[in-house]
Amino acid sequence: MFIDHRQEQWPDWLEIAKFVYNNKIYSSTKTLLFKTNYEQDPRIEFEVRRKEKYKRIEKFVIKIKEVQKEAKVALKKAQKKIKKYTDRKRREVNKYKVGDLVMLSTKDLKYQMVERRTEKLIERFIGPYKIKKIVLTNAVELELPGVVKIYPVVNINRIYKYIE
């Protein structure tokens, strides 16, 4: 983002990129990386005492703020695009309730179903199994028999409501 097509400017922008990276709030720690490393907030704003001496610095700060605004807009746009892509096939767990009977997809269970040698003859869904509890917004825990040797918490994309 900071270099031209000949890639000659990266040494000039390296410190700025490092500052921007350290000035980001991380979701896991909920703090700035700069504050985590140096135990203080980074100072961007400052009082100008001698205007002539600090004109270059003022321009630099204004340029950095513009770059940060552009980066935030670009990040928001990327987040929306990723969310749209991720939500294409996502279903909500609220259509399932504890006690519902569901069928489990065998798409990812080929190695667990070793007694059936031919892949063409494996059922697409097995079950029905009862939902024991809703774990997350997109995962449920199933009451599985001992024969099925998988972890009982599955994503809702792998289950379908059982219709008698």
N, C-alpha and C. Protein backbone atom coordinates (compact mmCIF):
# COMPACT_ATOMS: atom_id res chain seq x y z
N MET A 1 0.82 -1.19 0.00
CA MET A 1 0.00 0.00 0.00
C MET A 1 0.87 1.26 0.00
N PHE A 2 2.06 1.18 0.54
CA PHE A 2 2.89 2.36 0.67
C PHE A 2 3.98 2.46 -0.40
N ILE A 3 4.14 1.47 -1.25
CA ILE A 3 5.26 1.50 -2.17
C ILE A 3 4.77 1.60 -3.61
N ASP A 4 5.63 2.10 -4.48
CA ASP A 4 5.26 2.21 -5.88
C ASP A 4 5.57 0.90 -6.60
N HIS A 5 5.33 0.88 -7.90
CA HIS A 5 5.49 -0.36 -8.65
C HIS A 5 6.94 -0.81 -8.76
N ARG A 6 7.90 0.09 -8.55
CA ARG A 6 9.31 -0.28 -8.60
C ARG A 6 9.83 -0.71 -7.23
N GLN A 7 9.04 -0.53 -6.21
CA GLN A 7 9.36 -0.93 -4.83
C GLN A 7 10.64 -0.28 -4.32
N GLU A 8 10.77 1.01 -4.58
CA GLU A 8 11.95 1.74 -4.13
C GLU A 8 11.70 2.51 -2.84
N GLN A 9 10.44 2.67 -2.45
CA GLN A 9 10.12 3.52 -1.31
C GLN A 9 9.95 2.77 0.01
N TRP A 10 10.02 1.47 0.03
CA TRP A 10 9.68 0.75 1.25
C TRP A 10 10.55 1.11 2.44
N PRO A 11 11.85 1.43 2.29
CA PRO A 11 12.60 1.82 3.49
C PRO A 11 12.06 3.11 4.13
N ASP A 12 11.52 4.02 3.30
CA ASP A 12 10.97 5.27 3.84
C ASP A 12 9.70 5.03 4.64
N TRP A 13 8.94 4.02 4.27
CA TRP A 13 7.64 3.77 4.88
C TRP A 13 7.66 2.68 5.94
N LEU A 14 8.78 2.03 6.13
CA LEU A 14 8.84 0.90 7.05
C LEU A 14 8.51 1.30 8.49
N GLU A 15 9.05 2.40 8.97
CA GLU A 15 8.78 2.84 10.34
C GLU A 15 7.31 3.22 10.51
N ILE A 16 6.73 3.84 9.49
CA ILE A 16 5.32 4.22 9.56
C ILE A 16 4.44 2.98 9.60
N ALA A 17 4.78 2.00 8.77
CA ALA A 17 4.01 0.75 8.76
C ALA A 17 4.11 0.06 10.12
N LYS A 18 5.29 0.08 10.72
CA LYS A 18 5.48 -0.51 12.06
C LYS A 18 4.63 0.23 13.09
N PHE A 19 4.60 1.56 13.00
CA PHE A 19 3.82 2.36 13.94
C PHE A 19 2.33 2.04 13.78
N VAL A 20 1.84 1.98 12.54
CA VAL A 20 0.43 1.68 12.30
C VAL A 20 0.09 0.28 12.82
N TYR A 21 0.98 -0.68 12.60
CA TYR A 21 0.76 -2.05 13.07
C TYR A 21 0.68 -2.09 14.59
N ASN A 22 1.57 -1.36 15.26
CA ASN A 22 1.58 -1.33 16.72
C ASN A 22 0.43 -0.51 17.30
N ASN A 23 -0.21 0.33 16.49
CA ASN A 23 -1.28 1.21 16.94
C ASN A 23 -2.66 0.60 16.68
N LYS A 24 -2.73 -0.70 16.45
CA LYS A 24 -3.99 -1.38 16.17
C LYS A 24 -4.48 -2.07 17.44
N ILE A 25 -5.78 -1.99 17.72
CA ILE A 25 -6.36 -2.69 18.87
C ILE A 25 -6.65 -4.12 18.44
N TYR A 26 -6.09 -5.09 19.17
CA TYR A 26 -6.26 -6.49 18.83
C TYR A 26 -7.44 -7.08 19.57
N SER A 27 -8.20 -7.90 18.86
CA SER A 27 -9.43 -8.45 19.44
C SER A 27 -9.14 -9.41 20.58
N SER A 28 -8.02 -10.10 20.53
CA SER A 28 -7.73 -11.08 21.58
C SER A 28 -7.34 -10.42 22.90
N THR A 29 -6.52 -9.36 22.84
CA THR A 29 -6.07 -8.71 24.06
C THR A 29 -6.87 -7.47 24.40
N LYS A 30 -7.61 -6.92 23.45
CA LYS A 30 -8.40 -5.70 23.61
C LYS A 30 -7.52 -4.49 23.97
N THR A 31 -6.25 -4.54 23.59
CA THR A 31 -5.34 -3.43 23.84
C THR A 31 -4.49 -3.18 22.60
N LEU A 32 -3.81 -2.04 22.62
CA LEU A 32 -2.88 -1.74 21.54
C LEU A 32 -1.62 -2.55 21.73
N LEU A 33 -1.02 -2.99 20.63
CA LEU A 33 0.23 -3.73 20.72
C LEU A 33 1.33 -2.84 21.29
N PHE A 34 1.30 -1.55 20.94
CA PHE A 34 2.28 -0.59 21.45
C PHE A 34 2.20 -0.52 22.97
N LYS A 35 0.96 -0.45 23.48
CA LYS A 35 0.77 -0.36 24.93
C LYS A 35 1.22 -1.65 25.61
N THR A 36 0.97 -2.77 24.97
CA THR A 36 1.41 -4.05 25.52
C THR A 36 2.93 -4.11 25.60
N ASN A 37 3.60 -3.62 24.56
CA ASN A 37 5.07 -3.68 24.51
C ASN A 37 5.74 -2.63 25.39
N TYR A 38 5.22 -1.39 25.36
CA TYR A 38 5.91 -0.27 26.02
C TYR A 38 5.19 0.27 27.25
N GLU A 39 4.06 -0.32 27.62
CA GLU A 39 3.28 0.06 28.80
C GLU A 39 2.85 1.52 28.79
N GLN A 40 2.61 2.09 27.62
CA GLN A 40 2.07 3.45 27.50
C GLN A 40 1.39 3.58 26.14
N ASP A 41 0.46 4.54 26.04
CA ASP A 41 -0.22 4.79 24.78
C ASP A 41 0.71 5.55 23.84
N PRO A 42 0.62 5.28 22.54
CA PRO A 42 1.44 6.05 21.61
C PRO A 42 0.90 7.48 21.48
N ARG A 43 1.81 8.45 21.33
CA ARG A 43 1.39 9.85 21.19
C ARG A 43 1.38 10.22 19.73
N ILE A 44 0.21 10.58 19.24
CA ILE A 44 0.10 11.06 17.87
C ILE A 44 -0.09 12.57 17.88
N GLU A 45 -0.93 13.04 18.78
CA GLU A 45 -1.20 14.47 18.89
C GLU A 45 -0.08 15.15 19.68
N PHE A 46 0.21 16.40 19.36
CA PHE A 46 1.20 17.15 20.11
C PHE A 46 0.91 18.64 19.98
N GLU A 47 1.42 19.39 20.90
CA GLU A 47 1.27 20.84 20.85
C GLU A 47 2.44 21.42 20.06
N VAL A 48 2.11 22.34 19.19
CA VAL A 48 3.15 22.96 18.38
C VAL A 48 3.66 24.20 19.12
N ARG A 49 4.92 24.17 19.51
CA ARG A 49 5.50 25.30 20.23
C ARG A 49 6.16 26.27 19.26
N ARG A 50 6.92 25.73 18.36
CA ARG A 50 7.57 26.56 17.35
C ARG A 50 7.06 26.10 15.99
N LYS A 51 6.17 26.89 15.44
CA LYS A 51 5.49 26.49 14.21
C LYS A 51 6.45 26.25 13.07
N GLU A 52 7.47 27.07 12.94
CA GLU A 52 8.39 26.91 11.82
C GLU A 52 9.17 25.60 11.92
N LYS A 53 9.52 25.27 13.13
CA LYS A 53 10.34 24.07 13.34
C LYS A 53 9.54 22.79 13.10
N TYR A 54 8.24 22.84 13.38
CA TYR A 54 7.43 21.63 13.34
C TYR A 54 6.50 21.55 12.14
N LYS A 55 6.67 22.37 11.12
CA LYS A 55 5.78 22.33 9.96
C LYS A 55 5.87 20.99 9.23
N ARG A 56 7.07 20.48 9.08
CA ARG A 56 7.23 19.18 8.42
C ARG A 56 6.55 18.08 9.22
N ILE A 57 6.67 18.17 10.54
CA ILE A 57 6.05 17.16 11.40
C ILE A 57 4.53 17.24 11.31
N GLU A 58 3.99 18.45 11.27
CA GLU A 58 2.54 18.62 11.14
C GLU A 58 2.04 17.98 9.84
N LYS A 59 2.76 18.22 8.75
CA LYS A 59 2.38 17.63 7.47
C LYS A 59 2.44 16.11 7.55
N PHE A 60 3.48 15.61 8.21
CA PHE A 60 3.64 14.17 8.36
C PHE A 60 2.47 13.58 9.15
N VAL A 61 2.09 14.23 10.25
CA VAL A 61 0.99 13.74 11.08
C VAL A 61 -0.31 13.76 10.30
N ILE A 62 -0.54 14.82 9.54
CA ILE A 62 -1.76 14.90 8.72
C ILE A 62 -1.77 13.79 7.68
N LYS A 63 -0.63 13.54 7.07
CA LYS A 63 -0.53 12.47 6.07
C LYS A 63 -0.80 11.11 6.71
N ILE A 64 -0.24 10.88 7.89
CA ILE A 64 -0.46 9.61 8.59
C ILE A 64 -1.93 9.44 8.93
N LYS A 65 -2.58 10.49 9.39
CA LYS A 65 -4.01 10.39 9.72
C LYS A 65 -4.83 10.06 8.49
N GLU A 66 -4.48 10.66 7.36
CA GLU A 66 -5.19 10.36 6.11
C GLU A 66 -4.98 8.89 5.72
N VAL A 67 -3.75 8.43 5.86
CA VAL A 67 -3.45 7.03 5.54
C VAL A 67 -4.23 6.11 6.47
N GLN A 68 -4.33 6.46 7.75
CA GLN A 68 -5.09 5.64 8.69
C GLN A 68 -6.57 5.62 8.33
N LYS A 69 -7.12 6.76 7.95
CA LYS A 69 -8.53 6.81 7.54
C LYS A 69 -8.76 5.91 6.33
N GLU A 70 -7.87 6.00 5.34
CA GLU A 70 -8.00 5.17 4.14
C GLU A 70 -7.88 3.69 4.50
N ALA A 71 -6.95 3.37 5.40
CA ALA A 71 -6.78 1.98 5.81
C ALA A 71 -8.02 1.46 6.53
N LYS A 72 -8.62 2.30 7.39
CA LYS A 72 -9.84 1.89 8.10
C LYS A 72 -10.97 1.62 7.12
N VAL A 73 -11.11 2.49 6.12
CA VAL A 73 -12.16 2.29 5.12
C VAL A 73 -11.90 1.00 4.35
N ALA A 74 -10.65 0.77 3.97
CA ALA A 74 -10.29 -0.45 3.24
C ALA A 74 -10.55 -1.69 4.09
N LEU A 75 -10.23 -1.62 5.40
CA LEU A 75 -10.48 -2.75 6.29
C LEU A 75 -11.97 -3.03 6.45
N LYS A 76 -12.77 -1.97 6.59
CA LYS A 76 -14.22 -2.16 6.71
C LYS A 76 -14.78 -2.82 5.45
N LYS A 77 -14.30 -2.36 4.29
CA LYS A 77 -14.75 -2.93 3.02
C LYS A 77 -14.36 -4.41 2.93
N ALA A 78 -13.13 -4.73 3.33
CA ALA A 78 -12.67 -6.12 3.31
C ALA A 78 -13.48 -6.98 4.28
N GLN A 79 -13.78 -6.43 5.48
CA GLN A 79 -14.58 -7.18 6.46
C GLN A 79 -15.97 -7.48 5.92
N LYS A 80 -16.59 -6.49 5.27
CA LYS A 80 -17.92 -6.72 4.68
C LYS A 80 -17.87 -7.80 3.61
N LYS A 81 -16.82 -7.75 2.79
CA LYS A 81 -16.68 -8.73 1.71
C LYS A 81 -16.48 -10.13 2.28
N ILE A 82 -15.64 -10.25 3.31
CA ILE A 82 -15.38 -11.55 3.93
C ILE A 82 -16.64 -12.07 4.61
N LYS A 83 -17.38 -11.18 5.30
CA LYS A 83 -18.62 -11.59 5.96
C LYS A 83 -19.64 -12.08 4.94
N LYS A 84 -19.76 -11.36 3.83
CA LYS A 84 -20.70 -11.75 2.78
C LYS A 84 -20.32 -13.12 2.23
N TYR A 85 -19.03 -13.35 2.00
CA TYR A 85 -18.56 -14.63 1.49
C TYR A 85 -18.81 -15.75 2.50
N THR A 86 -18.54 -15.48 3.78
CA THR A 86 -18.70 -16.48 4.82
C THR A 86 -20.16 -16.81 5.06
N ASP A 87 -21.02 -15.80 5.00
CA ASP A 87 -22.44 -16.00 5.30
C ASP A 87 -23.23 -16.63 4.15
N ARG A 88 -22.59 -16.88 3.02
CA ARG A 88 -23.32 -17.44 1.88
C ARG A 88 -24.04 -18.73 2.24
N LYS A 89 -23.34 -19.64 2.88
CA LYS A 89 -23.93 -20.95 3.20
C LYS A 89 -24.22 -21.12 4.68
N ARG A 90 -24.03 -20.06 5.46
CA ARG A 90 -24.23 -20.16 6.90
C ARG A 90 -25.73 -20.19 7.20
N ARG A 91 -26.09 -21.09 8.09
CA ARG A 91 -27.48 -21.16 8.54
C ARG A 91 -27.51 -20.85 10.02
N GLU A 92 -28.64 -20.38 10.47
CA GLU A 92 -28.79 -20.04 11.89
C GLU A 92 -29.21 -21.26 12.69
N VAL A 93 -28.68 -21.37 13.90
CA VAL A 93 -28.99 -22.49 14.76
C VAL A 93 -30.39 -22.37 15.36
N ASN A 94 -30.98 -21.18 15.30
CA ASN A 94 -32.26 -20.98 15.97
C ASN A 94 -33.39 -21.80 15.37
N LYS A 95 -33.18 -22.41 14.21
CA LYS A 95 -34.25 -23.26 13.68
C LYS A 95 -34.21 -24.67 14.28
N TYR A 96 -33.18 -24.96 15.07
CA TYR A 96 -33.07 -26.22 15.78
C TYR A 96 -33.30 -25.99 17.26
N LYS A 97 -33.91 -26.99 17.92
CA LYS A 97 -34.16 -26.91 19.36
C LYS A 97 -33.64 -28.18 20.01
N VAL A 98 -33.38 -28.11 21.30
CA VAL A 98 -32.96 -29.30 22.06
C VAL A 98 -34.09 -30.33 21.98
N GLY A 99 -33.72 -31.55 21.63
CA GLY A 99 -34.69 -32.63 21.51
C GLY A 99 -35.11 -32.91 20.08
N ASP A 100 -34.79 -32.01 19.13
CA ASP A 100 -35.12 -32.25 17.72
C ASP A 100 -34.33 -33.43 17.19
N LEU A 101 -34.91 -34.15 16.25
CA LEU A 101 -34.21 -35.24 15.58
C LEU A 101 -33.61 -34.70 14.29
N VAL A 102 -32.34 -35.03 14.06
CA VAL A 102 -31.64 -34.55 12.87
C VAL A 102 -30.88 -35.69 12.22
N MET A 103 -30.62 -35.52 10.94
CA MET A 103 -29.79 -36.45 10.18
C MET A 103 -28.40 -35.84 10.06
N LEU A 104 -27.38 -36.68 10.17
CA LEU A 104 -25.99 -36.23 10.12
C LEU A 104 -25.40 -36.58 8.76
N SER A 105 -24.78 -35.60 8.11
CA SER A 105 -24.16 -35.80 6.81
C SER A 105 -22.93 -36.68 6.95
N THR A 106 -22.74 -37.60 5.99
CA THR A 106 -21.58 -38.49 6.00
C THR A 106 -20.47 -37.98 5.09
N LYS A 107 -20.59 -36.77 4.61
CA LYS A 107 -19.61 -36.21 3.68
C LYS A 107 -18.20 -36.27 4.25
N ASP A 108 -18.02 -35.95 5.52
CA ASP A 108 -16.69 -35.94 6.14
C ASP A 108 -16.45 -37.17 7.02
N LEU A 109 -17.30 -38.17 6.93
CA LEU A 109 -17.18 -39.35 7.80
C LEU A 109 -16.73 -40.60 7.04
N LYS A 110 -16.11 -40.45 5.88
CA LYS A 110 -15.75 -41.61 5.06
C LYS A 110 -14.78 -42.54 5.77
N TYR A 111 -13.84 -41.98 6.53
CA TYR A 111 -12.85 -42.82 7.21
C TYR A 111 -13.45 -43.49 8.46
N GLN A 112 -14.51 -42.91 9.02
CA GLN A 112 -15.15 -43.52 10.18
C GLN A 112 -16.07 -44.67 9.77
N MET A 113 -16.44 -44.72 8.51
CA MET A 113 -17.37 -45.75 8.02
C MET A 113 -16.58 -46.80 7.24
N VAL A 114 -15.62 -47.44 7.90
CA VAL A 114 -14.70 -48.36 7.23
C VAL A 114 -15.35 -49.68 6.81
N GLU A 115 -16.44 -50.08 7.46
CA GLU A 115 -17.04 -51.36 7.11
C GLU A 115 -17.70 -51.32 5.73
N ARG A 116 -17.98 -50.13 5.22
CA ARG A 116 -18.55 -50.00 3.89
C ARG A 116 -17.42 -49.61 2.94
N ARG A 117 -16.99 -50.54 2.13
CA ARG A 117 -15.81 -50.34 1.30
C ARG A 117 -16.08 -49.43 0.09
N THR A 118 -17.22 -49.55 -0.53
CA THR A 118 -17.46 -48.76 -1.74
C THR A 118 -18.07 -47.41 -1.37
N GLU A 119 -17.43 -46.39 -1.85
CA GLU A 119 -17.86 -45.03 -1.52
C GLU A 119 -19.22 -44.70 -2.13
N LYS A 120 -19.53 -45.31 -3.26
CA LYS A 120 -20.79 -45.03 -3.93
C LYS A 120 -22.01 -45.50 -3.13
N LEU A 121 -21.81 -46.52 -2.31
CA LEU A 121 -22.94 -47.09 -1.58
C LEU A 121 -23.10 -46.54 -0.17
N ILE A 122 -22.25 -45.61 0.23
CA ILE A 122 -22.38 -45.02 1.57
C ILE A 122 -23.57 -44.07 1.57
N GLU A 123 -24.38 -44.14 2.63
CA GLU A 123 -25.53 -43.26 2.73
C GLU A 123 -25.05 -41.81 2.83
N ARG A 124 -25.83 -40.90 2.32
CA ARG A 124 -25.48 -39.48 2.41
C ARG A 124 -25.73 -38.93 3.81
N PHE A 125 -26.73 -39.48 4.49
CA PHE A 125 -27.06 -39.04 5.85
C PHE A 125 -27.30 -40.26 6.71
N ILE A 126 -26.88 -40.16 7.98
CA ILE A 126 -27.16 -41.23 8.94
C ILE A 126 -27.95 -40.63 10.09
N GLY A 127 -28.66 -41.48 10.77
CA GLY A 127 -29.43 -40.99 11.90
C GLY A 127 -30.82 -41.56 11.89
N PRO A 128 -31.75 -41.01 12.54
CA PRO A 128 -31.78 -39.69 13.18
C PRO A 128 -31.14 -39.71 14.57
N TYR A 129 -30.58 -38.57 14.93
CA TYR A 129 -29.98 -38.37 16.25
C TYR A 129 -30.64 -37.18 16.92
N LYS A 130 -30.70 -37.25 18.24
CA LYS A 130 -31.36 -36.19 19.02
C LYS A 130 -30.34 -35.11 19.38
N ILE A 131 -30.78 -33.85 19.31
CA ILE A 131 -29.92 -32.73 19.72
C ILE A 131 -29.92 -32.67 21.23
N LYS A 132 -28.72 -32.82 21.82
CA LYS A 132 -28.57 -32.79 23.28
C LYS A 132 -28.56 -31.36 23.81
N LYS A 133 -27.75 -30.50 23.14
CA LYS A 133 -27.74 -29.09 23.54
C LYS A 133 -27.17 -28.24 22.41
N ILE A 134 -27.50 -26.96 22.44
CA ILE A 134 -26.99 -26.00 21.46
C ILE A 134 -25.74 -25.37 22.07
N VAL A 135 -24.60 -25.56 21.40
CA VAL A 135 -23.32 -25.13 21.95
C VAL A 135 -23.01 -23.69 21.57
N LEU A 136 -23.00 -23.38 20.29
CA LEU A 136 -22.70 -22.05 19.79
C LEU A 136 -23.81 -21.60 18.87
N THR A 137 -23.59 -20.46 18.21
CA THR A 137 -24.60 -19.99 17.26
C THR A 137 -24.65 -20.86 16.02
N ASN A 138 -23.61 -21.66 15.79
CA ASN A 138 -23.62 -22.51 14.60
C ASN A 138 -23.17 -23.95 14.90
N ALA A 139 -23.31 -24.39 16.14
CA ALA A 139 -22.91 -25.76 16.49
C ALA A 139 -23.87 -26.34 17.52
N VAL A 140 -24.10 -27.65 17.39
CA VAL A 140 -24.97 -28.36 18.32
C VAL A 140 -24.26 -29.64 18.79
N GLU A 141 -24.67 -30.13 19.96
CA GLU A 141 -24.15 -31.40 20.47
C GLU A 141 -25.23 -32.45 20.26
N LEU A 142 -24.84 -33.57 19.66
CA LEU A 142 -25.78 -34.64 19.34
C LEU A 142 -25.63 -35.79 20.33
N GLU A 143 -26.72 -36.53 20.53
CA GLU A 143 -26.70 -37.77 21.31
C GLU A 143 -26.36 -38.89 20.34
N LEU A 144 -25.08 -39.25 20.27
CA LEU A 144 -24.63 -40.26 19.31
C LEU A 144 -24.46 -41.61 20.00
N PRO A 145 -24.77 -42.70 19.29
CA PRO A 145 -24.52 -44.03 19.87
C PRO A 145 -23.01 -44.31 19.89
N GLY A 146 -22.59 -45.31 20.65
CA GLY A 146 -21.18 -45.65 20.77
C GLY A 146 -20.54 -46.12 19.47
N VAL A 147 -21.36 -46.56 18.52
CA VAL A 147 -20.86 -47.05 17.24
C VAL A 147 -20.26 -45.91 16.42
N VAL A 148 -20.86 -44.75 16.51
CA VAL A 148 -20.38 -43.58 15.77
C VAL A 148 -19.23 -42.97 16.56
N LYS A 149 -18.04 -43.06 16.04
CA LYS A 149 -16.84 -42.64 16.79
C LYS A 149 -16.37 -41.27 16.32
N ILE A 150 -17.19 -40.27 16.55
CA ILE A 150 -16.80 -38.90 16.25
C ILE A 150 -17.14 -38.03 17.45
N TYR A 151 -16.59 -36.83 17.45
CA TYR A 151 -16.88 -35.87 18.52
C TYR A 151 -18.34 -35.44 18.37
N PRO A 152 -19.12 -35.41 19.44
CA PRO A 152 -20.56 -35.17 19.32
C PRO A 152 -20.96 -33.73 18.95
N VAL A 153 -20.05 -32.76 19.06
CA VAL A 153 -20.39 -31.39 18.69
C VAL A 153 -20.10 -31.21 17.21
N VAL A 154 -21.15 -30.86 16.45
CA VAL A 154 -21.02 -30.71 14.99
C VAL A 154 -21.57 -29.35 14.56
N ASN A 155 -21.05 -28.88 13.45
CA ASN A 155 -21.53 -27.65 12.85
C ASN A 155 -22.91 -27.90 12.25
N ILE A 156 -23.77 -26.89 12.26
CA ILE A 156 -25.13 -27.10 11.76
C ILE A 156 -25.16 -27.27 10.24
N ASN A 157 -24.05 -26.98 9.55
CA ASN A 157 -24.00 -27.24 8.12
C ASN A 157 -23.95 -28.73 7.83
N ARG A 158 -23.64 -29.55 8.84
CA ARG A 158 -23.55 -31.00 8.65
C ARG A 158 -24.80 -31.74 9.06
N ILE A 159 -25.82 -31.03 9.53
CA ILE A 159 -27.05 -31.69 9.96
C ILE A 159 -28.26 -31.14 9.21
N TYR A 160 -29.29 -31.99 9.11
CA TYR A 160 -30.55 -31.59 8.49
C TYR A 160 -31.69 -32.13 9.34
N LYS A 161 -32.76 -31.39 9.41
CA LYS A 161 -33.90 -31.78 10.23
C LYS A 161 -34.50 -33.07 9.70
N TYR A 162 -34.78 -33.98 10.60
CA TYR A 162 -35.35 -35.27 10.26
C TYR A 162 -36.85 -35.12 10.03
N ILE A 163 -37.29 -35.57 8.87
CA ILE A 163 -38.72 -35.52 8.55
C ILE A 163 -39.20 -36.96 8.42
N GLU A 164 -40.17 -37.34 9.24
CA GLU A 164 -40.67 -38.71 9.25
C GLU A 164 -41.52 -38.98 8.04
